[in-house]
Amino acid sequence: MADYDIAVIGGGINGVGIARDAAGRGLKVLLVEQNDLGSGTSSASTKLVHGGLRYLEQYAFRLVRESLREREILLRQAPHLVRPIRFVLPVQRGARPAWLLRLGLYLYDWFAGSTALPKSVAVDLNTSQAGGPLRRSFVAGFEYSDCTVDDARLVIANAQDAAERGATILTRTKCVRVERGSEWNVVLNVRGKRTVVTSRVLVNATGPWTALFGEMAVRQAGKAPVRLVKGSHIVVRRLFVHDKAYIFQNSDRRVVFAIPFHRDYTLIGTTDKDFVGDLAAVAPSREEIVYLCEAASAYFRDLVSIGDVVWAFAGVRPLYDNGKREARETTRDDKLVLDKAMGRAPLLTLYGGKLTTYRAVSEQAVDRIGVFFTPTRRWTADAFLPGGDLNGDTVAAFTARARERWPFLADEELADRLVAAYGNRLERVLGDARRLTDLGRNFGYDLTEAEVRYLMQHEWAETADDVLWRRTKLGLKFSNAEKETLAQFMAQAKAG
């Protein structure tokens, strides 16, 4: 008998989503990630759960409809991580005309169906607060609804749920080779030690590494239908005081977002550039940073320059190659390929996909491989993610109750950060503390010893980067000395 029913290779959003779904159906699951969970593309997105307004131009109506349906599900399942936001779309002379934008937004609202989010409306930018930061030439526009998300924490929430339902999660573990017979022999490098486990089914959910893993580890023949496209983002000091976001039409017909980010910043992205190179060293180019600065400067009164950038990051999207010439025209849809050769263990490979639809894709993936096991029912559409059950409260009401219980959360910024990260699991972090000092050492910006220990014990955090850039975004504020102090503490805690 095999050690596992399913071995999932890849700890990005799709890998952890598949592991969670399968574990919840009673299957014995192993998930293997060579680095930290969500350390690749899944933590380098534009931080949106959205239908993809621009996909309407590509007639990707099914993808938009499915994405909007998933937006509603995720908003319900993880309201602490997925937050509604209004987007402002200025009308730009020489770009898509107002009538076309209005038609697209009508379709967007129609595909969304019944939703608690407000519908799109026309807006006068001369009188609206949203028009204040924009150049005076922008006088008309539209507003519509979508959602932002903490992408890296969404990965963690899925991994937590998978583990709590029985899945084995191995981080910093590389799958170096697999051998295929009636079962899979999966050869792992677990922190320098060679281990072999067996599994009835193998899932390749390695994202940008899909083709490389298929070629090197699985030894698949032929070229995998993957197009690697790099998306880069920049973060600058806050460019506007209101809580709405912007979507700008650029001169190359791409769109660029400007989104409020962790209170004090604005996130600007993204680019679409074909990627060739080392997947372990993905970074924005100077050309891409300049592109994003110029795109923002074409709309905002205050110019954005390279000197304003406090952080820049990039991720490589593993898109399913549909043969389009331009990277921006390549489909964001997913494709599941099941290899079930007679007498040989099944292999499921996931190509493409997007953050918003990960739950539906995971469900479809487990449906496909579920034929090799006792049939079980779908369940993830109606289940909260860890932290998401606020007992019927809004996020604001839950935060107010948290501030009553823990008086030191009178600091609004700290209260908002902790609720946004942990939701109803905040009690597991704060316990019976009455003062901030009860939580141990403060490493800076109210990141306490208790929180770091929780992240290490329950969220697979092992390094300062894991904490500062994926579990939180406090890396934007920490000094090098503060980062080093945190790193030393974590190293000692891990050793002890």
Protein backbone atom coordinates (compact mmCIF):
# COMPACT_ATOMS: atom_id res chain seq x y z
CA MET A 1 0.00 0.00 0.00
CA ALA A 2 1.28 3.47 -0.93
CA ASP A 3 2.28 5.94 1.78
CA TYR A 4 -0.03 8.57 0.30
CA ASP A 5 -3.03 8.72 -1.98
CA ILE A 6 -1.87 11.99 -3.56
CA ALA A 7 1.51 13.72 -3.64
CA VAL A 8 1.21 17.38 -4.64
CA ILE A 9 4.43 19.02 -5.80
CA GLY A 10 4.32 22.79 -5.39
CA GLY A 11 3.26 24.95 -2.44
CA GLY A 12 1.75 27.88 -4.29
CA ILE A 13 -1.94 28.76 -4.21
CA ASN A 14 -3.00 25.93 -6.54
CA GLY A 15 -0.90 23.31 -4.78
CA VAL A 16 -2.22 24.14 -1.31
CA GLY A 17 -5.75 24.47 -2.72
CA ILE A 18 -5.59 20.96 -4.17
CA ALA A 19 -4.07 19.58 -0.95
CA ARG A 20 -6.82 21.19 1.12
CA ASP A 21 -9.63 19.94 -1.10
CA ALA A 22 -8.25 16.40 -1.27
CA ALA A 23 -7.59 16.18 2.48
CA GLY A 24 -11.12 17.36 3.15
CA ARG A 25 -12.41 14.48 1.02
CA GLY A 26 -10.64 11.98 3.23
CA LEU A 27 -7.59 11.33 1.05
CA LYS A 28 -4.10 10.94 2.47
CA VAL A 29 -2.17 13.89 1.07
CA LEU A 30 1.47 14.94 0.91
CA LEU A 31 2.41 18.45 -0.24
CA VAL A 32 6.03 19.23 -1.07
CA GLU A 33 7.41 22.77 -1.50
CA GLN A 34 11.08 23.44 -2.25
CA ASN A 35 11.09 26.86 -0.53
CA ASP A 36 8.58 28.67 1.68
CA LEU A 37 4.87 28.34 0.98
CA GLY A 38 3.75 30.92 -1.56
CA SER A 39 7.29 32.16 -2.05
CA GLY A 40 7.01 32.36 -5.84
CA THR A 41 4.27 33.74 -8.04
CA SER A 42 1.58 33.33 -5.38
CA SER A 43 3.06 36.12 -3.24
CA ALA A 44 3.96 38.34 -6.21
CA SER A 45 0.50 39.06 -7.62
CA THR A 46 -1.37 42.37 -7.91
CA LYS A 47 -3.22 41.33 -4.72
CA LEU A 48 -6.63 41.17 -6.41
CA VAL A 49 -9.55 38.78 -6.30
CA HIS A 50 -11.42 39.99 -9.36
CA GLY A 51 -13.32 39.00 -12.44
CA GLY A 52 -10.77 40.49 -14.80
CA LEU A 53 -12.51 43.40 -16.49
CA ARG A 54 -9.96 43.51 -19.30
CA TYR A 55 -10.56 39.84 -20.16
CA LEU A 56 -13.88 40.88 -21.68
CA GLU A 57 -11.91 42.32 -24.62
CA GLN A 58 -10.59 38.83 -25.26
CA TYR A 59 -14.15 37.43 -25.18
CA ALA A 60 -13.14 35.30 -22.20
CA PHE A 61 -16.70 35.43 -20.89
CA ARG A 62 -16.61 32.05 -19.17
CA LEU A 63 -13.43 32.97 -17.29
CA VAL A 64 -14.89 36.31 -16.19
CA ARG A 65 -18.14 34.72 -15.04
CA GLU A 66 -16.31 31.99 -13.11
CA SER A 67 -13.91 34.51 -11.58
CA LEU A 68 -16.76 36.71 -10.38
CA ARG A 69 -18.50 33.72 -8.88
CA GLU A 70 -15.29 32.76 -7.07
CA ARG A 71 -14.87 36.35 -5.89
CA GLU A 72 -18.16 36.02 -4.01
CA ILE A 73 -17.19 32.67 -2.50
CA LEU A 74 -13.79 33.90 -1.29
CA LEU A 75 -15.28 37.11 0.08
CA ARG A 76 -17.62 34.99 2.16
CA GLN A 77 -15.01 32.40 3.21
CA ALA A 78 -12.18 34.73 4.19
CA PRO A 79 -13.52 38.26 4.81
CA HIS A 80 -10.41 39.15 6.81
CA LEU A 81 -8.16 38.41 3.81
CA VAL A 82 -10.45 39.38 0.92
CA ARG A 83 -11.77 42.96 1.11
CA PRO A 84 -14.16 44.85 -1.19
CA ILE A 85 -12.75 47.93 -2.89
CA ARG A 86 -14.06 50.46 -5.39
CA PHE A 87 -12.00 50.99 -8.55
CA VAL A 88 -11.95 54.31 -10.39
CA LEU A 89 -11.57 54.06 -14.17
CA PRO A 90 -10.90 57.48 -15.72
CA VAL A 91 -11.89 58.08 -19.33
CA GLN A 92 -8.72 58.76 -21.30
CA ARG A 93 -8.87 60.68 -24.57
CA GLY A 94 -7.57 58.53 -27.43
CA ALA A 95 -8.04 55.28 -25.50
CA ARG A 96 -11.16 53.12 -25.14
CA PRO A 97 -14.17 55.43 -25.49
CA ALA A 98 -16.62 56.04 -22.65
CA TRP A 99 -19.42 54.09 -24.36
CA LEU A 100 -17.21 51.00 -24.63
CA LEU A 101 -16.16 51.25 -20.99
CA ARG A 102 -19.80 51.60 -19.96
CA LEU A 103 -20.73 48.52 -22.01
CA GLY A 104 -17.90 46.50 -20.48
CA LEU A 105 -18.93 47.48 -16.97
CA TYR A 106 -22.57 46.63 -17.72
CA LEU A 107 -21.46 43.13 -18.77
CA TYR A 108 -19.22 42.89 -15.71
CA ASP A 109 -22.11 43.70 -13.38
CA TRP A 110 -24.38 41.32 -15.27
CA PHE A 111 -21.91 38.42 -15.05
CA ALA A 112 -21.50 39.13 -11.31
CA GLY A 113 -25.22 38.56 -10.81
CA SER A 114 -26.59 38.95 -7.31
CA THR A 115 -23.86 40.40 -5.12
CA ALA A 116 -23.57 42.55 -2.02
CA LEU A 117 -20.97 44.69 -3.80
CA PRO A 118 -22.18 47.99 -5.31
CA LYS A 119 -22.72 48.13 -9.07
CA SER A 120 -20.73 50.35 -11.41
CA VAL A 121 -21.62 54.03 -11.79
CA ALA A 122 -20.42 57.02 -13.79
CA VAL A 123 -18.42 59.53 -11.77
CA ASP A 124 -17.62 63.22 -12.23
CA LEU A 125 -13.93 63.53 -11.44
CA ASN A 126 -14.24 67.31 -11.05
CA THR A 127 -16.35 66.86 -7.93
CA SER A 128 -15.45 63.36 -6.69
CA GLN A 129 -12.76 62.90 -4.06
CA ALA A 130 -11.25 60.30 -6.38
CA GLY A 131 -10.55 63.04 -8.94
CA GLY A 132 -8.39 65.05 -6.53
CA PRO A 133 -5.06 63.23 -7.10
CA LEU A 134 -5.56 63.06 -10.89
CA ARG A 135 -4.48 65.48 -13.57
CA ARG A 136 -7.13 68.09 -14.39
CA SER A 137 -7.56 66.70 -17.91
CA PHE A 138 -9.45 63.74 -16.43
CA VAL A 139 -13.00 64.94 -15.91
CA ALA A 140 -15.12 61.80 -16.31
CA GLY A 141 -14.85 58.17 -15.38
CA PHE A 142 -16.53 55.19 -13.81
CA GLU A 143 -16.45 53.33 -10.52
CA TYR A 144 -16.93 49.60 -10.09
CA SER A 145 -16.40 46.97 -7.40
CA ASP A 146 -13.80 44.22 -6.98
CA CYS A 147 -11.69 42.89 -4.10
CA THR A 148 -8.15 43.04 -2.83
CA VAL A 149 -6.48 40.09 -1.11
CA ASP A 150 -3.43 39.27 0.94
CA ASP A 151 -2.20 36.65 -1.53
CA ALA A 152 0.55 35.10 0.60
CA ARG A 153 -1.73 34.76 3.61
CA LEU A 154 -4.38 33.15 1.41
CA VAL A 155 -1.80 30.47 0.62
CA ILE A 156 -1.07 29.99 4.33
CA ALA A 157 -4.77 29.73 5.21
CA ASN A 158 -5.25 26.94 2.68
CA ALA A 159 -2.16 25.12 3.90
CA GLN A 160 -3.35 25.39 7.51
CA ASP A 161 -6.74 23.94 6.61
CA ALA A 162 -5.10 21.15 4.62
CA ALA A 163 -2.83 20.26 7.55
CA GLU A 164 -5.69 20.36 10.05
CA ARG A 165 -7.60 17.94 7.83
CA GLY A 166 -4.69 15.50 7.84
CA ALA A 167 -2.38 16.59 5.01
CA THR A 168 1.39 16.42 5.50
CA ILE A 169 3.03 19.72 4.51
CA LEU A 170 6.78 19.66 3.83
CA THR A 171 8.49 22.98 3.17
CA ARG A 172 12.15 23.47 2.24
CA THR A 173 11.89 20.04 0.64
CA LYS A 174 12.77 19.38 -2.99
CA CYS A 175 11.35 16.63 -5.13
CA VAL A 176 14.45 15.63 -7.05
CA ARG A 177 13.06 12.69 -9.00
CA VAL A 178 10.02 10.49 -9.39
CA GLU A 179 9.85 6.94 -10.66
CA ARG A 180 6.64 5.73 -12.20
CA GLY A 181 5.23 2.27 -11.90
CA SER A 182 1.90 1.10 -10.57
CA GLU A 183 2.68 3.66 -7.85
CA TRP A 184 4.92 6.72 -7.78
CA ASN A 185 8.23 6.54 -5.97
CA VAL A 186 8.84 10.16 -4.97
CA VAL A 187 12.46 10.94 -4.15
CA LEU A 188 12.79 13.90 -1.79
CA ASN A 189 15.66 15.97 -0.51
CA VAL A 190 14.45 16.88 2.96
CA ARG A 191 16.91 19.46 4.26
CA GLY A 192 19.86 17.51 2.95
CA LYS A 193 18.52 14.03 3.66
CA ARG A 194 17.29 11.71 0.92
CA THR A 195 13.85 10.20 1.53
CA VAL A 196 11.63 8.10 -0.70
CA VAL A 197 7.84 7.96 -0.29
CA THR A 198 5.19 6.34 -2.45
CA SER A 199 1.95 7.77 -3.77
CA ARG A 200 -0.91 6.49 -5.89
CA VAL A 201 -1.29 9.81 -7.78
CA LEU A 202 1.17 12.62 -8.51
CA VAL A 203 0.10 16.24 -9.06
CA ASN A 204 2.44 18.69 -10.78
CA ALA A 205 1.35 22.08 -9.40
CA THR A 206 4.77 23.69 -9.57
CA GLY A 207 3.65 26.86 -11.37
CA PRO A 208 6.54 28.40 -13.32
CA TRP A 209 8.51 25.19 -12.78
CA THR A 210 5.81 23.04 -14.46
CA ALA A 211 7.77 22.39 -17.64
CA LEU A 212 11.12 22.04 -15.87
CA PHE A 213 9.73 19.61 -13.30
CA GLY A 214 8.01 17.61 -16.04
CA GLU A 215 11.23 17.38 -18.00
CA MET A 216 13.78 16.85 -15.22
CA ALA A 217 11.91 14.92 -12.54
CA VAL A 218 9.10 13.17 -14.42
CA ARG A 219 11.11 12.91 -17.66
CA GLN A 220 8.15 13.82 -19.85
CA ALA A 221 8.84 13.99 -23.57
CA GLY A 222 7.89 16.94 -25.73
CA LYS A 223 7.52 20.65 -25.07
CA ALA A 224 5.09 21.58 -22.31
CA PRO A 225 2.43 24.16 -23.34
CA VAL A 226 3.63 26.77 -20.84
CA ARG A 227 4.36 30.43 -21.53
CA LEU A 228 6.27 32.17 -18.77
CA VAL A 229 5.22 35.81 -18.41
CA LYS A 230 6.77 38.13 -15.84
CA GLY A 231 4.59 40.63 -14.02
CA SER A 232 6.38 43.37 -12.09
CA HIS A 233 5.07 45.77 -9.46
CA ILE A 234 6.34 48.77 -7.55
CA VAL A 235 5.34 50.14 -4.15
CA VAL A 236 5.62 53.87 -3.39
CA ARG A 237 4.60 56.09 -0.51
CA ARG A 238 0.85 56.69 -0.43
CA LEU A 239 -0.25 58.78 -3.41
CA PHE A 240 -3.80 59.57 -2.24
CA VAL A 241 -5.73 59.73 1.03
CA HIS A 242 -8.99 57.98 0.11
CA ASP A 243 -9.53 54.21 0.15
CA LYS A 244 -10.41 53.65 -3.52
CA ALA A 245 -8.11 52.16 -6.15
CA TYR A 246 -7.47 53.16 -9.77
CA ILE A 247 -7.31 51.28 -13.04
CA PHE A 248 -5.55 53.24 -15.78
CA GLN A 249 -5.56 52.68 -19.52
CA ASN A 250 -2.00 52.82 -20.77
CA SER A 251 -0.93 53.87 -24.25
CA ASP A 252 -0.05 50.26 -25.20
CA ARG A 253 -3.66 49.20 -24.38
CA ARG A 254 -2.55 47.44 -21.20
CA VAL A 255 -4.10 48.47 -17.91
CA VAL A 256 -2.17 49.48 -14.80
CA PHE A 257 -3.57 49.41 -11.27
CA ALA A 258 -2.81 51.82 -8.41
CA ILE A 259 -4.07 50.29 -5.17
CA PRO A 260 -3.93 51.35 -1.50
CA PHE A 261 -1.40 49.05 0.17
CA HIS A 262 -0.90 48.52 3.90
CA ARG A 263 -2.14 51.99 4.90
CA ASP A 264 0.98 54.02 4.09
CA TYR A 265 1.72 52.87 0.53
CA THR A 266 0.40 52.56 -3.00
CA LEU A 267 0.93 49.41 -5.10
CA ILE A 268 1.33 49.99 -8.86
CA GLY A 269 1.31 47.14 -11.36
CA THR A 270 1.63 45.20 -13.50
CA THR A 271 3.68 44.43 -16.60
CA ASP A 272 3.50 41.55 -19.09
CA LYS A 273 6.91 40.46 -20.36
CA ASP A 274 7.90 37.04 -21.67
CA PHE A 275 10.39 35.55 -19.24
CA VAL A 276 13.53 33.58 -19.94
CA GLY A 277 16.04 33.08 -17.17
CA ASP A 278 16.60 31.78 -13.68
CA LEU A 279 13.30 31.20 -11.88
CA ALA A 280 15.11 31.48 -8.56
CA ALA A 281 16.17 35.06 -9.32
CA VAL A 282 13.10 36.85 -10.68
CA ALA A 283 13.23 40.63 -10.28
CA PRO A 284 11.80 43.71 -12.01
CA SER A 285 14.02 45.27 -14.63
CA ARG A 286 14.79 48.99 -14.64
CA GLU A 287 12.76 49.21 -17.87
CA GLU A 288 9.69 47.76 -16.15
CA ILE A 289 10.03 50.05 -13.14
CA VAL A 290 10.29 53.08 -15.45
CA TYR A 291 7.26 51.82 -17.40
CA LEU A 292 5.15 51.67 -14.23
CA CYS A 293 6.35 55.07 -13.02
CA GLU A 294 5.49 56.65 -16.36
CA ALA A 295 2.10 54.93 -16.51
CA ALA A 296 1.20 56.33 -13.09
CA SER A 297 2.63 59.76 -13.86
CA ALA A 298 0.40 60.03 -16.94
CA TYR A 299 -2.60 60.12 -14.58
CA PHE A 300 -1.49 61.48 -11.20
CA ARG A 301 -0.71 65.16 -10.66
CA ASP A 302 2.31 64.24 -8.59
CA LEU A 303 4.87 62.54 -10.80
CA VAL A 304 6.14 59.12 -9.77
CA SER A 305 9.86 58.47 -10.29
CA ILE A 306 12.28 55.66 -9.60
CA GLY A 307 13.41 57.50 -6.50
CA ASP A 308 9.92 57.14 -5.01
CA VAL A 309 9.99 53.32 -5.19
CA VAL A 310 10.38 51.73 -1.74
CA TRP A 311 9.91 48.15 -2.92
CA ALA A 312 9.73 46.42 -6.29
CA PHE A 313 8.86 42.78 -6.86
CA ALA A 314 8.07 40.44 -9.73
CA GLY A 315 6.48 37.07 -10.27
CA VAL A 316 6.42 34.72 -13.23
CA ARG A 317 2.99 33.59 -14.35
CA PRO A 318 2.90 30.06 -15.81
CA LEU A 319 0.27 30.73 -18.47
CA TYR A 320 -1.19 28.07 -20.71
CA ASP A 321 0.28 28.84 -24.14
CA ASN A 322 -2.59 29.46 -26.56
CA GLY A 323 -0.30 30.70 -29.32
CA LYS A 324 -0.97 34.44 -29.02
CA ARG A 325 1.78 36.75 -30.18
CA GLU A 326 1.51 39.26 -27.32
CA ALA A 327 2.05 38.17 -23.72
CA ARG A 328 -0.90 40.30 -22.57
CA GLU A 329 -3.19 38.35 -24.92
CA THR A 330 -2.24 34.94 -23.54
CA THR A 331 -5.15 33.28 -21.79
CA ARG A 332 -5.36 33.41 -17.98
CA ASP A 333 -7.50 30.28 -18.05
CA ASP A 334 -6.33 26.99 -16.65
CA LYS A 335 -5.89 23.54 -18.17
CA LEU A 336 -5.75 20.23 -16.32
CA VAL A 337 -4.05 17.36 -18.14
CA LEU A 338 -4.48 13.86 -16.73
CA ASP A 339 -2.06 11.16 -17.88
CA LYS A 340 -3.53 7.80 -16.87
CA ALA A 341 -1.67 5.29 -19.00
CA MET A 342 -2.74 1.68 -18.46
CA GLY A 343 -0.91 0.01 -15.59
CA ARG A 344 0.94 3.20 -14.64
CA ALA A 345 0.25 5.57 -11.75
CA PRO A 346 -1.76 8.67 -12.79
CA LEU A 347 -0.14 12.08 -13.28
CA LEU A 348 -2.16 15.32 -13.17
CA THR A 349 -0.49 18.47 -14.49
CA LEU A 350 -1.92 21.94 -13.96
CA TYR A 351 -1.18 24.61 -16.56
CA GLY A 352 -2.06 28.27 -16.16
CA GLY A 353 -4.78 29.48 -13.83
CA LYS A 354 -5.15 32.64 -11.75
CA LEU A 355 -5.29 33.48 -8.07
CA THR A 356 -9.02 34.25 -8.07
CA THR A 357 -10.08 30.88 -9.43
CA TYR A 358 -7.72 28.67 -7.43
CA ARG A 359 -10.54 27.11 -5.36
CA ALA A 360 -12.58 26.10 -8.41
CA VAL A 361 -9.47 24.79 -10.17
CA SER A 362 -8.52 22.78 -7.08
CA GLU A 363 -12.01 21.33 -6.93
CA GLN A 364 -11.87 20.33 -10.59
CA ALA A 365 -8.42 18.80 -10.08
CA VAL A 366 -9.57 16.62 -7.20
CA ASP A 367 -12.66 15.64 -9.21
CA ARG A 368 -10.36 14.44 -12.00
CA ILE A 369 -8.16 12.32 -9.76
CA GLY A 370 -11.05 11.34 -7.51
CA VAL A 371 -12.06 8.65 -10.01
CA PHE A 372 -9.15 6.57 -8.68
CA PHE A 373 -10.59 6.61 -5.17
CA THR A 374 -13.94 6.17 -3.47
CA PRO A 375 -16.16 9.00 -4.79
CA THR A 376 -16.61 11.87 -2.33
CA ARG A 377 -18.59 15.08 -2.36
CA ARG A 378 -17.37 18.57 -3.10
CA TRP A 379 -17.16 20.71 0.03
CA THR A 380 -14.92 23.76 -0.29
CA ALA A 381 -17.54 26.18 -1.65
CA ASP A 382 -19.34 26.23 1.69
CA ALA A 383 -16.44 26.10 4.16
CA PHE A 384 -14.68 28.99 5.86
CA LEU A 385 -10.95 29.31 5.51
CA PRO A 386 -9.06 29.44 8.81
CA GLY A 387 -9.72 32.78 10.47
CA GLY A 388 -12.69 33.55 8.24
CA ASP A 389 -15.60 32.68 10.53
CA LEU A 390 -16.33 36.03 12.19
CA ASN A 391 -19.57 34.75 13.75
CA GLY A 392 -21.71 36.91 11.50
CA ASP A 393 -19.80 40.13 12.23
CA THR A 394 -18.42 42.46 9.66
CA VAL A 395 -14.65 42.92 9.77
CA ALA A 396 -15.17 46.34 11.36
CA ALA A 397 -17.45 44.93 14.07
CA PHE A 398 -15.07 42.03 14.74
CA THR A 399 -12.18 44.49 15.03
CA ALA A 400 -14.16 46.62 17.49
CA ARG A 401 -14.82 43.55 19.67
CA ALA A 402 -11.15 42.60 19.51
CA ARG A 403 -10.15 46.07 20.72
CA GLU A 404 -12.50 45.72 23.67
CA ARG A 405 -11.04 42.35 24.64
CA TRP A 406 -7.39 43.35 24.19
CA PRO A 407 -7.10 46.99 25.35
CA PHE A 408 -3.63 47.44 23.86
CA LEU A 409 -5.27 47.18 20.41
CA ALA A 410 -6.39 50.78 20.93
CA ASP A 411 -3.70 51.40 18.32
CA GLU A 412 -5.93 51.26 15.23
CA GLU A 413 -3.12 50.34 12.86
CA LEU A 414 -2.06 47.37 14.99
CA ALA A 415 -5.66 46.18 15.42
CA ASP A 416 -6.33 46.37 11.69
CA ARG A 417 -3.09 44.53 10.84
CA LEU A 418 -3.69 41.67 13.24
CA VAL A 419 -7.35 41.17 12.33
CA ALA A 420 -6.50 41.28 8.62
CA ALA A 421 -3.86 38.61 9.15
CA TYR A 422 -5.52 36.22 11.58
CA GLY A 423 -9.27 36.89 11.66
CA ASN A 424 -10.93 34.81 14.37
CA ARG A 425 -7.61 33.06 15.08
CA LEU A 426 -6.34 36.22 16.69
CA GLU A 427 -6.96 34.62 20.09
CA ARG A 428 -4.36 31.99 19.27
CA VAL A 429 -1.79 34.76 18.83
CA LEU A 430 -2.73 37.08 21.70
CA GLY A 431 -4.15 34.63 24.25
CA ASP A 432 -4.89 36.26 27.61
CA ALA A 433 -2.49 39.18 27.17
CA ARG A 434 -3.67 42.45 28.76
CA ARG A 435 -0.70 44.57 27.71
CA LEU A 436 1.50 44.54 24.65
CA THR A 437 4.46 43.75 26.89
CA ASP A 438 2.75 40.47 27.87
CA LEU A 439 3.53 39.27 24.33
CA GLY A 440 7.28 39.39 24.85
CA ARG A 441 9.95 41.22 22.92
CA ASN A 442 8.86 43.88 20.43
CA PHE A 443 11.01 43.57 17.30
CA GLY A 444 9.63 46.78 15.82
CA TYR A 445 6.26 48.12 14.70
CA ASP A 446 4.54 45.94 17.32
CA LEU A 447 5.73 42.64 15.85
CA THR A 448 6.02 40.70 19.08
CA GLU A 449 7.74 37.55 20.21
CA ALA A 450 4.35 35.85 20.69
CA GLU A 451 3.33 36.56 17.12
CA VAL A 452 6.65 35.37 15.70
CA ARG A 453 6.47 32.16 17.72
CA TYR A 454 2.95 31.58 16.46
CA LEU A 455 4.12 32.05 12.87
CA MET A 456 6.96 29.60 13.40
CA GLN A 457 4.86 26.96 15.15
CA HIS A 458 1.65 27.16 13.10
CA GLU A 459 2.48 28.83 9.77
CA TRP A 460 5.79 27.24 8.69
CA ALA A 461 7.78 30.48 9.02
CA GLU A 462 11.50 29.81 9.37
CA THR A 463 13.29 32.98 8.31
CA ALA A 464 12.93 36.71 8.82
CA ASP A 465 11.87 37.06 5.18
CA ASP A 466 9.09 34.52 5.73
CA VAL A 467 7.73 36.74 8.50
CA LEU A 468 8.42 40.19 7.09
CA TRP A 469 7.47 39.70 3.44
CA ARG A 470 4.94 36.85 3.32
CA ARG A 471 3.23 36.48 6.74
CA THR A 472 3.27 40.28 7.15
CA LYS A 473 4.51 43.16 5.00
CA LEU A 474 6.50 44.75 7.81
CA GLY A 475 9.60 44.40 5.67
CA LEU A 476 8.50 47.74 4.20
CA LYS A 477 9.20 49.38 7.56
CA PHE A 478 11.90 47.35 9.28
CA SER A 479 15.45 48.65 9.33
CA ASN A 480 18.34 46.33 8.52
CA ALA A 481 19.25 46.21 12.21
CA GLU A 482 15.70 45.24 13.18
CA LYS A 483 15.66 42.53 10.50
CA GLU A 484 18.92 41.11 11.81
CA THR A 485 17.63 41.06 15.39
CA LEU A 486 14.53 39.17 14.25
CA ALA A 487 16.62 36.72 12.21
CA GLN A 488 18.86 35.98 15.20
CA PHE A 489 15.86 35.39 17.45
CA MET A 490 14.27 33.01 14.96
CA ALA A 491 17.50 31.09 14.50
CA GLN A 492 17.85 30.67 18.25
CA ALA A 493 14.18 29.70 18.68
CA LYS A 494 14.50 27.12 15.92
CA ALA A 495 17.69 25.66 17.42
CA GLY A 496 16.21 25.57 20.91
